[in-house]
């Protein structure tokens, strides 16, 4: 039985230099583990690698490469799945794999006073990602401490804390003496 581990490592030992964070791969050949080999070598930070197996046994690797959510199947050159301005919310995505190999990437995206959950699906039959994420919550609360799994072959179950954010209008006098609501 083979196995793989992918790590995000700071290549110069200086945590202040973010762009040199790269992915390294370790493989198990059934008898022993190999040595770490670089999978990425570029000027973009590569973080939060997640591995999955599709139904045919192909390895699907997903991670953040700079502002891009990237994917590699069987450690082939990566493709960009989704691009957004870098946020720690997207960079902290969670991944779930169904028993039939459907993959879901879920993250909380901030809004004015709250956040909502978004999902991006991978179809193992077509080896392709959805064209755009779907919003799966839309409410005034903040979703945080997210985890995600599948129930059966296609029912996505996100688990998270939901926190209410309350706002209060406070009258304040402006420098002109006029009342302003804040």
N, C-alpha and C. Protein backbone atom coordinates (compact mmCIF):
# COMPACT_ATOMS: atom_id res chain seq x y z
N UNK A 1 0.84 -1.18 0.00
CA UNK A 1 0.00 0.00 0.00
C UNK A 1 0.88 1.24 0.00
N UNK A 2 0.54 2.16 -0.88
CA UNK A 2 1.29 3.42 -0.98
C UNK A 2 0.64 4.47 -0.10
N UNK A 3 1.38 5.51 0.19
CA UNK A 3 0.85 6.62 0.97
C UNK A 3 1.58 7.91 0.64
N UNK A 4 0.93 9.02 0.95
CA UNK A 4 1.52 10.33 0.67
C UNK A 4 1.25 11.27 1.83
N UNK A 5 2.21 12.13 2.10
CA UNK A 5 2.07 13.23 3.05
C UNK A 5 2.58 14.48 2.33
N UNK A 6 1.83 15.57 2.45
CA UNK A 6 2.27 16.84 1.88
C UNK A 6 2.34 17.86 3.00
N UNK A 7 3.47 18.55 3.10
CA UNK A 7 3.73 19.52 4.16
C UNK A 7 3.99 20.90 3.57
N UNK A 8 3.58 21.92 4.28
CA UNK A 8 3.92 23.29 3.93
C UNK A 8 5.05 23.70 4.86
N UNK A 9 6.22 23.99 4.29
CA UNK A 9 7.41 24.27 5.10
C UNK A 9 8.03 25.62 4.75
N UNK A 10 8.50 26.31 5.77
CA UNK A 10 9.25 27.54 5.58
C UNK A 10 10.67 27.14 5.18
N UNK A 11 11.08 27.48 3.96
CA UNK A 11 12.34 26.96 3.44
C UNK A 11 13.59 27.67 3.96
N UNK A 12 13.44 28.88 4.56
CA UNK A 12 14.64 29.54 5.06
C UNK A 12 14.66 29.67 6.58
N UNK A 13 13.65 29.13 7.26
CA UNK A 13 13.63 29.18 8.72
C UNK A 13 13.25 30.54 9.29
N UNK A 14 12.89 31.48 8.43
CA UNK A 14 12.51 32.82 8.87
C UNK A 14 11.01 33.00 8.62
N UNK A 15 10.21 32.96 9.67
CA UNK A 15 8.76 33.02 9.50
C UNK A 15 8.27 34.39 9.02
N UNK A 16 9.14 35.39 8.99
CA UNK A 16 8.77 36.71 8.49
C UNK A 16 8.76 36.77 6.96
N UNK A 17 9.45 35.84 6.30
CA UNK A 17 9.51 35.81 4.83
C UNK A 17 8.50 34.79 4.32
N UNK A 18 7.30 35.23 4.06
CA UNK A 18 6.17 34.36 3.70
C UNK A 18 6.33 33.70 2.32
N UNK A 19 6.80 34.39 1.27
CA UNK A 19 6.80 33.78 -0.06
C UNK A 19 7.63 32.50 -0.18
N UNK A 20 8.54 32.23 0.75
CA UNK A 20 9.36 31.02 0.63
C UNK A 20 8.73 29.81 1.31
N UNK A 21 7.45 29.88 1.64
CA UNK A 21 6.74 28.73 2.19
C UNK A 21 6.34 27.84 1.02
N UNK A 22 6.84 26.63 0.99
CA UNK A 22 6.64 25.73 -0.14
C UNK A 22 6.08 24.38 0.31
N UNK A 23 5.53 23.64 -0.64
CA UNK A 23 5.01 22.30 -0.35
C UNK A 23 6.10 21.26 -0.61
N UNK A 24 6.17 20.30 0.32
CA UNK A 24 7.06 19.16 0.19
C UNK A 24 6.24 17.89 0.28
N UNK A 25 6.65 16.89 -0.46
CA UNK A 25 5.92 15.63 -0.54
C UNK A 25 6.78 14.49 0.00
N UNK A 26 6.15 13.66 0.82
CA UNK A 26 6.77 12.41 1.28
C UNK A 26 5.89 11.28 0.76
N UNK A 27 6.51 10.23 0.23
CA UNK A 27 5.74 9.09 -0.28
C UNK A 27 6.18 7.81 0.40
N UNK A 28 5.21 6.93 0.60
CA UNK A 28 5.44 5.61 1.18
C UNK A 28 5.22 4.59 0.08
N UNK A 29 6.22 3.72 -0.14
CA UNK A 29 6.13 2.76 -1.24
C UNK A 29 5.62 1.39 -0.80
N UNK A 30 5.14 1.28 0.43
CA UNK A 30 4.68 0.00 0.95
C UNK A 30 5.67 -0.61 1.92
N UNK A 31 6.94 -0.16 1.85
CA UNK A 31 7.98 -0.65 2.74
C UNK A 31 8.61 0.45 3.58
N UNK A 32 8.84 1.60 2.96
CA UNK A 32 9.48 2.69 3.70
C UNK A 32 9.06 4.03 3.11
N UNK A 33 9.28 5.07 3.95
CA UNK A 33 9.00 6.44 3.52
C UNK A 33 10.21 7.00 2.81
N UNK A 34 9.97 7.75 1.74
CA UNK A 34 11.05 8.43 1.03
C UNK A 34 11.44 9.71 1.74
N UNK A 35 12.34 10.44 1.15
CA UNK A 35 12.77 11.71 1.72
C UNK A 35 11.85 12.82 1.21
N UNK A 36 11.76 13.92 1.95
CA UNK A 36 10.91 15.03 1.48
C UNK A 36 11.46 15.61 0.18
N UNK A 37 10.58 15.73 -0.81
CA UNK A 37 10.97 16.33 -2.08
C UNK A 37 10.08 17.55 -2.34
N UNK A 38 10.66 18.62 -2.87
CA UNK A 38 9.86 19.83 -3.14
C UNK A 38 8.78 19.55 -4.18
N UNK A 39 7.57 20.01 -3.91
CA UNK A 39 6.50 19.93 -4.89
C UNK A 39 6.29 21.30 -5.53
N UNK A 40 6.46 22.37 -4.76
CA UNK A 40 6.39 23.72 -5.31
C UNK A 40 7.72 24.42 -5.07
N UNK A 41 8.09 25.28 -5.99
CA UNK A 41 9.30 26.11 -5.87
C UNK A 41 9.03 27.39 -6.66
N UNK A 42 8.51 28.39 -5.96
CA UNK A 42 8.16 29.63 -6.63
C UNK A 42 8.21 30.77 -5.63
N UNK A 43 7.76 31.93 -6.01
CA UNK A 43 7.80 33.10 -5.13
C UNK A 43 6.44 33.37 -4.49
N UNK A 44 5.56 32.37 -4.45
CA UNK A 44 4.26 32.50 -3.83
C UNK A 44 4.18 31.59 -2.61
N UNK A 45 3.54 32.04 -1.53
CA UNK A 45 3.38 31.14 -0.39
C UNK A 45 2.42 30.01 -0.73
N UNK A 46 2.79 28.79 -0.38
CA UNK A 46 1.97 27.61 -0.59
C UNK A 46 1.59 27.06 0.78
N UNK A 47 0.29 27.13 1.13
CA UNK A 47 -0.13 26.79 2.49
C UNK A 47 -1.40 25.93 2.48
N UNK A 48 -1.65 25.31 3.62
CA UNK A 48 -2.85 24.54 3.91
C UNK A 48 -3.11 23.41 2.91
N UNK A 49 -2.13 22.52 2.69
CA UNK A 49 -2.37 21.42 1.76
C UNK A 49 -3.33 20.39 2.36
N UNK A 50 -4.22 19.88 1.50
CA UNK A 50 -5.16 18.82 1.86
C UNK A 50 -5.11 17.76 0.79
N UNK A 51 -5.11 16.49 1.21
CA UNK A 51 -5.08 15.36 0.27
C UNK A 51 -6.37 14.58 0.33
N UNK A 52 -6.77 14.03 -0.82
CA UNK A 52 -7.93 13.16 -0.90
C UNK A 52 -7.68 12.12 -1.99
N UNK A 53 -8.43 11.03 -1.93
CA UNK A 53 -8.41 10.03 -2.99
C UNK A 53 -9.75 10.05 -3.69
N UNK A 54 -9.73 10.02 -5.04
CA UNK A 54 -10.99 9.90 -5.75
C UNK A 54 -11.30 8.41 -5.90
N UNK A 55 -12.48 8.05 -6.42
CA UNK A 55 -12.88 6.64 -6.48
C UNK A 55 -11.94 5.74 -7.28
N UNK A 56 -11.22 6.32 -8.23
CA UNK A 56 -10.29 5.51 -9.03
C UNK A 56 -8.90 5.43 -8.40
N UNK A 57 -8.73 6.00 -7.20
CA UNK A 57 -7.45 5.93 -6.50
C UNK A 57 -6.49 7.05 -6.84
N UNK A 58 -6.94 8.04 -7.59
CA UNK A 58 -6.07 9.17 -7.91
C UNK A 58 -5.97 10.10 -6.70
N UNK A 59 -4.77 10.62 -6.48
CA UNK A 59 -4.53 11.54 -5.37
C UNK A 59 -4.90 12.96 -5.81
N UNK A 60 -5.77 13.60 -5.03
CA UNK A 60 -6.18 14.98 -5.30
C UNK A 60 -5.61 15.85 -4.19
N UNK A 61 -4.74 16.79 -4.56
CA UNK A 61 -4.11 17.71 -3.62
C UNK A 61 -4.70 19.10 -3.86
N UNK A 62 -5.16 19.74 -2.77
CA UNK A 62 -5.71 21.09 -2.84
C UNK A 62 -4.96 21.95 -1.83
N UNK A 63 -4.62 23.20 -2.20
CA UNK A 63 -3.92 24.10 -1.28
C UNK A 63 -4.06 25.53 -1.77
N UNK A 64 -3.65 26.46 -0.91
CA UNK A 64 -3.60 27.87 -1.30
C UNK A 64 -2.22 28.18 -1.84
N UNK A 65 -2.19 28.72 -3.04
CA UNK A 65 -0.94 29.17 -3.69
C UNK A 65 -1.10 30.66 -3.91
N UNK A 66 -0.56 31.44 -2.97
CA UNK A 66 -0.79 32.89 -3.03
C UNK A 66 -2.27 33.17 -2.83
N UNK A 67 -2.90 33.84 -3.81
CA UNK A 67 -4.34 34.13 -3.76
C UNK A 67 -5.19 33.04 -4.40
N UNK A 68 -4.57 32.00 -4.93
CA UNK A 68 -5.29 30.98 -5.68
C UNK A 68 -5.52 29.72 -4.85
N UNK A 69 -6.72 29.19 -4.96
CA UNK A 69 -6.99 27.84 -4.48
C UNK A 69 -6.56 26.94 -5.62
N UNK A 70 -5.56 26.10 -5.38
CA UNK A 70 -4.96 25.31 -6.45
C UNK A 70 -5.21 23.82 -6.23
N UNK A 71 -5.10 23.06 -7.33
CA UNK A 71 -5.35 21.63 -7.27
C UNK A 71 -4.37 20.91 -8.18
N UNK A 72 -3.95 19.73 -7.73
CA UNK A 72 -3.12 18.86 -8.54
C UNK A 72 -3.66 17.43 -8.39
N UNK A 73 -3.83 16.75 -9.50
CA UNK A 73 -4.27 15.36 -9.48
C UNK A 73 -3.05 14.49 -9.78
N UNK A 74 -2.76 13.57 -8.87
CA UNK A 74 -1.60 12.68 -8.99
C UNK A 74 -0.29 13.45 -9.10
N UNK A 75 -0.21 14.60 -8.43
CA UNK A 75 0.99 15.42 -8.35
C UNK A 75 1.43 15.96 -9.71
N UNK A 76 0.46 16.11 -10.63
CA UNK A 76 0.72 16.75 -11.92
C UNK A 76 0.83 18.26 -11.68
N UNK A 77 1.27 19.02 -12.67
CA UNK A 77 1.31 20.48 -12.49
C UNK A 77 -0.06 21.00 -12.05
N UNK A 78 -0.07 21.98 -11.14
CA UNK A 78 -1.33 22.44 -10.57
C UNK A 78 -2.16 23.28 -11.54
N UNK A 79 -3.47 23.29 -11.25
CA UNK A 79 -4.39 24.17 -11.95
C UNK A 79 -5.04 25.07 -10.89
N UNK A 80 -5.43 26.26 -11.30
CA UNK A 80 -6.12 27.18 -10.40
C UNK A 80 -7.59 26.83 -10.39
N UNK A 81 -8.13 26.62 -9.19
CA UNK A 81 -9.53 26.27 -9.00
C UNK A 81 -10.37 27.52 -8.78
N UNK A 82 -9.83 28.45 -8.01
CA UNK A 82 -10.58 29.65 -7.64
C UNK A 82 -9.57 30.71 -7.24
N UNK A 83 -9.81 31.95 -7.66
CA UNK A 83 -8.94 33.07 -7.31
C UNK A 83 -9.75 34.14 -6.61
N UNK A 84 -9.19 34.65 -5.54
CA UNK A 84 -9.82 35.73 -4.80
C UNK A 84 -8.71 36.51 -4.12
N UNK A 85 -9.00 37.75 -3.75
CA UNK A 85 -8.02 38.50 -2.98
C UNK A 85 -7.68 37.67 -1.75
N UNK A 86 -6.42 37.58 -1.40
CA UNK A 86 -6.02 36.71 -0.30
C UNK A 86 -6.76 37.07 0.98
N UNK A 87 -7.29 36.05 1.62
CA UNK A 87 -7.90 36.23 2.94
C UNK A 87 -7.57 35.01 3.77
N UNK A 88 -7.39 35.23 5.05
CA UNK A 88 -7.12 34.09 5.93
C UNK A 88 -8.35 33.20 6.03
N UNK A 89 -9.53 33.73 5.70
CA UNK A 89 -10.74 32.91 5.72
C UNK A 89 -10.66 31.82 4.67
N UNK A 90 -10.40 32.20 3.42
CA UNK A 90 -10.27 31.21 2.36
C UNK A 90 -9.06 30.32 2.60
N UNK A 91 -7.97 30.90 3.08
CA UNK A 91 -6.76 30.11 3.33
C UNK A 91 -6.98 29.05 4.41
N UNK A 92 -8.00 29.24 5.24
CA UNK A 92 -8.32 28.27 6.30
C UNK A 92 -9.45 27.34 5.87
N UNK A 93 -9.57 27.07 4.56
CA UNK A 93 -10.65 26.23 4.06
C UNK A 93 -10.60 24.84 4.69
N UNK A 94 -11.76 24.20 4.73
CA UNK A 94 -11.88 22.82 5.19
C UNK A 94 -12.30 21.98 3.99
N UNK A 95 -11.89 20.71 3.99
CA UNK A 95 -12.19 19.84 2.87
C UNK A 95 -12.85 18.56 3.37
N UNK A 96 -13.85 18.11 2.62
CA UNK A 96 -14.52 16.84 2.91
C UNK A 96 -14.58 16.03 1.62
N UNK A 97 -14.54 14.69 1.78
CA UNK A 97 -14.60 13.79 0.63
C UNK A 97 -15.72 12.78 0.89
N UNK A 98 -16.62 12.63 -0.09
CA UNK A 98 -17.69 11.66 0.06
C UNK A 98 -17.18 10.26 -0.27
N UNK A 99 -17.98 9.25 0.01
CA UNK A 99 -17.58 7.87 -0.27
C UNK A 99 -17.44 7.62 -1.76
N UNK A 100 -18.03 8.47 -2.59
CA UNK A 100 -17.89 8.33 -4.04
C UNK A 100 -16.87 9.29 -4.63
N UNK A 101 -16.10 9.98 -3.77
CA UNK A 101 -15.03 10.83 -4.24
C UNK A 101 -15.39 12.27 -4.52
N UNK A 102 -16.62 12.67 -4.26
CA UNK A 102 -16.98 14.08 -4.42
C UNK A 102 -16.26 14.86 -3.34
N UNK A 103 -15.65 15.97 -3.70
CA UNK A 103 -14.87 16.78 -2.76
C UNK A 103 -15.57 18.12 -2.59
N UNK A 104 -15.61 18.58 -1.35
CA UNK A 104 -16.16 19.91 -1.06
C UNK A 104 -15.12 20.72 -0.31
N UNK A 105 -14.90 21.93 -0.77
CA UNK A 105 -14.05 22.91 -0.09
C UNK A 105 -15.00 23.94 0.51
N UNK A 106 -14.92 24.15 1.84
CA UNK A 106 -15.84 25.07 2.51
C UNK A 106 -15.03 26.09 3.31
N UNK A 107 -15.48 27.34 3.29
CA UNK A 107 -14.83 28.38 4.08
C UNK A 107 -15.87 29.43 4.46
N UNK A 108 -15.54 30.22 5.47
CA UNK A 108 -16.39 31.34 5.90
C UNK A 108 -15.85 32.62 5.27
N UNK A 109 -16.72 33.34 4.61
CA UNK A 109 -16.34 34.58 3.95
C UNK A 109 -16.93 35.76 4.73
N UNK A 110 -16.12 36.73 5.13
CA UNK A 110 -16.64 37.85 5.92
C UNK A 110 -17.56 38.77 5.11
N UNK A 111 -18.51 39.36 5.85
CA UNK A 111 -19.42 40.35 5.29
C UNK A 111 -19.29 41.59 6.17
N UNK A 112 -20.14 42.56 6.02
CA UNK A 112 -20.02 43.81 6.78
C UNK A 112 -19.92 43.57 8.28
N UNK A 113 -20.87 42.85 8.86
CA UNK A 113 -20.85 42.59 10.30
C UNK A 113 -20.96 41.11 10.63
N UNK A 114 -20.84 40.27 9.64
CA UNK A 114 -21.01 38.84 9.88
C UNK A 114 -20.13 38.06 8.91
N UNK A 115 -20.44 36.80 8.75
CA UNK A 115 -19.78 35.98 7.74
C UNK A 115 -20.77 34.93 7.27
N UNK A 116 -20.53 34.38 6.11
CA UNK A 116 -21.36 33.31 5.56
C UNK A 116 -20.46 32.23 4.99
N UNK A 117 -21.01 31.03 4.88
CA UNK A 117 -20.26 29.88 4.39
C UNK A 117 -20.41 29.75 2.88
N UNK A 118 -19.31 29.39 2.23
CA UNK A 118 -19.28 29.14 0.79
C UNK A 118 -18.69 27.76 0.56
N UNK A 119 -19.10 27.13 -0.56
CA UNK A 119 -18.60 25.80 -0.91
C UNK A 119 -18.24 25.76 -2.39
N UNK A 120 -17.22 24.99 -2.69
CA UNK A 120 -16.81 24.72 -4.06
C UNK A 120 -16.69 23.21 -4.18
N UNK A 121 -17.35 22.61 -5.19
CA UNK A 121 -17.38 21.15 -5.33
C UNK A 121 -16.48 20.67 -6.45
N UNK A 122 -15.91 19.48 -6.24
CA UNK A 122 -15.10 18.77 -7.24
C UNK A 122 -15.89 17.54 -7.67
N UNK A 123 -16.04 17.36 -8.98
CA UNK A 123 -16.74 16.20 -9.53
C UNK A 123 -15.69 15.18 -9.98
N UNK A 124 -15.59 14.04 -9.28
CA UNK A 124 -14.55 13.07 -9.64
C UNK A 124 -14.78 12.40 -10.99
N UNK A 125 -16.05 12.31 -11.44
CA UNK A 125 -16.33 11.67 -12.73
C UNK A 125 -15.76 12.49 -13.88
N UNK A 126 -15.81 13.81 -13.75
CA UNK A 126 -15.30 14.69 -14.81
C UNK A 126 -13.95 15.31 -14.45
N UNK A 127 -13.46 14.99 -13.25
CA UNK A 127 -12.21 15.57 -12.73
C UNK A 127 -12.19 17.08 -12.94
N UNK A 128 -13.28 17.72 -12.47
CA UNK A 128 -13.36 19.17 -12.63
C UNK A 128 -14.04 19.80 -11.42
N UNK A 129 -13.72 21.06 -11.22
CA UNK A 129 -14.28 21.86 -10.14
C UNK A 129 -15.43 22.69 -10.67
N UNK A 130 -16.35 23.04 -9.79
CA UNK A 130 -17.44 23.96 -10.15
C UNK A 130 -16.84 25.27 -10.62
N UNK A 131 -17.57 25.97 -11.49
CA UNK A 131 -17.08 27.23 -12.04
C UNK A 131 -17.00 28.33 -11.00
N UNK A 132 -17.87 28.28 -9.99
CA UNK A 132 -17.90 29.33 -8.97
C UNK A 132 -18.40 28.73 -7.66
N UNK A 133 -18.00 29.33 -6.54
CA UNK A 133 -18.50 28.82 -5.25
C UNK A 133 -19.98 29.13 -5.07
N UNK A 134 -20.62 28.32 -4.23
CA UNK A 134 -22.02 28.54 -3.86
C UNK A 134 -22.08 29.02 -2.43
N UNK A 135 -22.92 30.00 -2.17
CA UNK A 135 -23.13 30.47 -0.80
C UNK A 135 -24.10 29.51 -0.14
N UNK A 136 -23.74 28.98 1.05
CA UNK A 136 -24.62 28.01 1.71
C UNK A 136 -25.26 28.54 3.00
N UNK A 137 -24.85 29.71 3.46
CA UNK A 137 -25.57 30.39 4.54
C UNK A 137 -25.71 31.85 4.14
N UNK A 138 -26.76 32.47 4.65
CA UNK A 138 -26.98 33.88 4.39
C UNK A 138 -27.80 34.42 5.55
N UNK A 139 -27.11 34.93 6.54
CA UNK A 139 -27.78 35.38 7.76
C UNK A 139 -26.91 36.42 8.45
N UNK A 140 -27.45 37.10 9.46
CA UNK A 140 -26.67 38.15 10.12
C UNK A 140 -25.67 37.62 11.16
N UNK A 141 -25.65 36.31 11.39
CA UNK A 141 -24.71 35.75 12.38
C UNK A 141 -23.35 35.47 11.74
N UNK A 142 -22.37 35.25 12.61
CA UNK A 142 -21.02 34.89 12.19
C UNK A 142 -20.86 33.38 12.32
N UNK A 143 -20.44 32.73 11.23
CA UNK A 143 -20.13 31.31 11.26
C UNK A 143 -18.64 31.17 11.48
N UNK A 144 -18.25 30.37 12.48
CA UNK A 144 -16.83 30.23 12.80
C UNK A 144 -16.58 28.82 13.34
N UNK A 145 -15.30 28.48 13.54
CA UNK A 145 -14.89 27.16 14.02
C UNK A 145 -15.51 26.05 13.17
N UNK A 146 -15.29 26.15 11.89
CA UNK A 146 -15.91 25.30 10.89
C UNK A 146 -15.25 23.93 10.78
N UNK A 147 -16.07 22.92 10.56
CA UNK A 147 -15.61 21.61 10.12
C UNK A 147 -16.66 21.10 9.15
N UNK A 148 -16.33 20.13 8.33
CA UNK A 148 -17.25 19.70 7.29
C UNK A 148 -17.04 18.22 7.00
N UNK A 149 -18.13 17.55 6.65
CA UNK A 149 -18.08 16.13 6.27
C UNK A 149 -19.23 15.84 5.33
N UNK A 150 -19.23 14.65 4.76
CA UNK A 150 -20.36 14.20 3.95
C UNK A 150 -21.12 13.14 4.72
N UNK A 151 -22.44 13.12 4.53
CA UNK A 151 -23.29 12.05 5.03
C UNK A 151 -23.73 11.28 3.79
N UNK A 152 -23.30 10.05 3.67
CA UNK A 152 -23.60 9.29 2.47
C UNK A 152 -22.75 9.76 1.31
N UNK A 153 -23.33 9.70 0.12
CA UNK A 153 -22.55 10.00 -1.08
C UNK A 153 -22.58 11.46 -1.50
N UNK A 154 -23.60 12.22 -1.06
CA UNK A 154 -23.68 13.58 -1.58
C UNK A 154 -24.20 14.64 -0.62
N UNK A 155 -24.59 14.27 0.58
CA UNK A 155 -25.12 15.27 1.51
C UNK A 155 -23.99 15.89 2.32
N UNK A 156 -23.72 17.17 2.05
CA UNK A 156 -22.66 17.89 2.75
C UNK A 156 -23.18 18.36 4.10
N UNK A 157 -22.41 18.12 5.15
CA UNK A 157 -22.78 18.52 6.50
C UNK A 157 -21.70 19.46 7.05
N UNK A 158 -21.96 20.78 7.01
CA UNK A 158 -21.03 21.70 7.68
C UNK A 158 -21.40 21.80 9.16
N UNK A 159 -20.40 21.82 10.01
CA UNK A 159 -20.60 21.97 11.45
C UNK A 159 -19.81 23.21 11.88
N UNK A 160 -20.49 24.12 12.61
CA UNK A 160 -19.82 25.38 12.95
C UNK A 160 -20.52 26.02 14.14
N UNK A 161 -19.82 26.94 14.77
CA UNK A 161 -20.42 27.79 15.79
C UNK A 161 -21.07 28.97 15.09
N UNK A 162 -22.21 29.36 15.60
CA UNK A 162 -22.90 30.52 15.05
C UNK A 162 -23.03 31.56 16.14
N UNK A 163 -22.52 32.74 15.89
CA UNK A 163 -22.50 33.78 16.91
C UNK A 163 -23.23 35.02 16.40
N UNK A 164 -24.15 35.54 17.22
CA UNK A 164 -24.86 36.76 16.86
C UNK A 164 -23.97 37.97 17.10
N UNK A 165 -24.04 38.89 16.18
CA UNK A 165 -23.36 40.17 16.32
C UNK A 165 -24.45 41.21 16.46
N UNK A 166 -24.43 41.93 17.55
CA UNK A 166 -25.43 42.96 17.77
C UNK A 166 -24.82 44.33 17.51
N UNK A 167 -25.60 45.17 16.86
CA UNK A 167 -25.16 46.54 16.62
C UNK A 167 -26.10 47.49 17.35
N UNK A 168 -25.56 48.57 17.78
CA UNK A 168 -26.33 49.58 18.50
C UNK A 168 -26.07 50.94 17.86
N UNK A 169 -27.12 51.69 17.65
CA UNK A 169 -26.97 53.03 17.11
C UNK A 169 -26.76 53.99 18.28
N UNK A 170 -25.70 54.78 18.19
CA UNK A 170 -25.35 55.71 19.26
C UNK A 170 -25.33 57.12 18.68
N UNK A 171 -26.10 58.03 19.28
CA UNK A 171 -26.05 59.42 18.80
C UNK A 171 -24.78 60.11 19.29
N UNK A 172 -24.12 60.81 18.39
CA UNK A 172 -22.88 61.51 18.71
C UNK A 172 -22.97 62.90 18.10
N UNK A 173 -22.41 63.86 18.77
CA UNK A 173 -22.38 65.21 18.21
C UNK A 173 -21.14 65.39 17.34
N UNK A 174 -21.37 65.85 16.13
CA UNK A 174 -20.27 66.12 15.21
C UNK A 174 -19.59 67.42 15.64
N UNK A 175 -18.46 67.73 15.02
CA UNK A 175 -17.72 68.95 15.35
C UNK A 175 -18.57 70.20 15.08
N UNK A 176 -19.53 70.06 14.17
CA UNK A 176 -20.42 71.20 13.85
C UNK A 176 -21.55 71.36 14.87
N UNK A 177 -21.66 70.41 15.80
CA UNK A 177 -22.73 70.45 16.81
C UNK A 177 -23.97 69.68 16.37
N UNK A 178 -23.97 69.20 15.13
CA UNK A 178 -25.10 68.44 14.61
C UNK A 178 -25.08 67.00 15.17
N UNK A 179 -26.23 66.45 15.52
CA UNK A 179 -26.26 65.04 15.98
C UNK A 179 -26.05 64.10 14.79
N UNK A 180 -25.24 63.07 15.00
CA UNK A 180 -24.95 62.05 13.98
C UNK A 180 -25.20 60.70 14.63
N UNK A 181 -25.84 59.79 13.89
CA UNK A 181 -26.07 58.43 14.41
C UNK A 181 -24.93 57.54 13.94
N UNK A 182 -24.30 56.87 14.88
CA UNK A 182 -23.21 55.95 14.54
C UNK A 182 -23.55 54.58 15.05
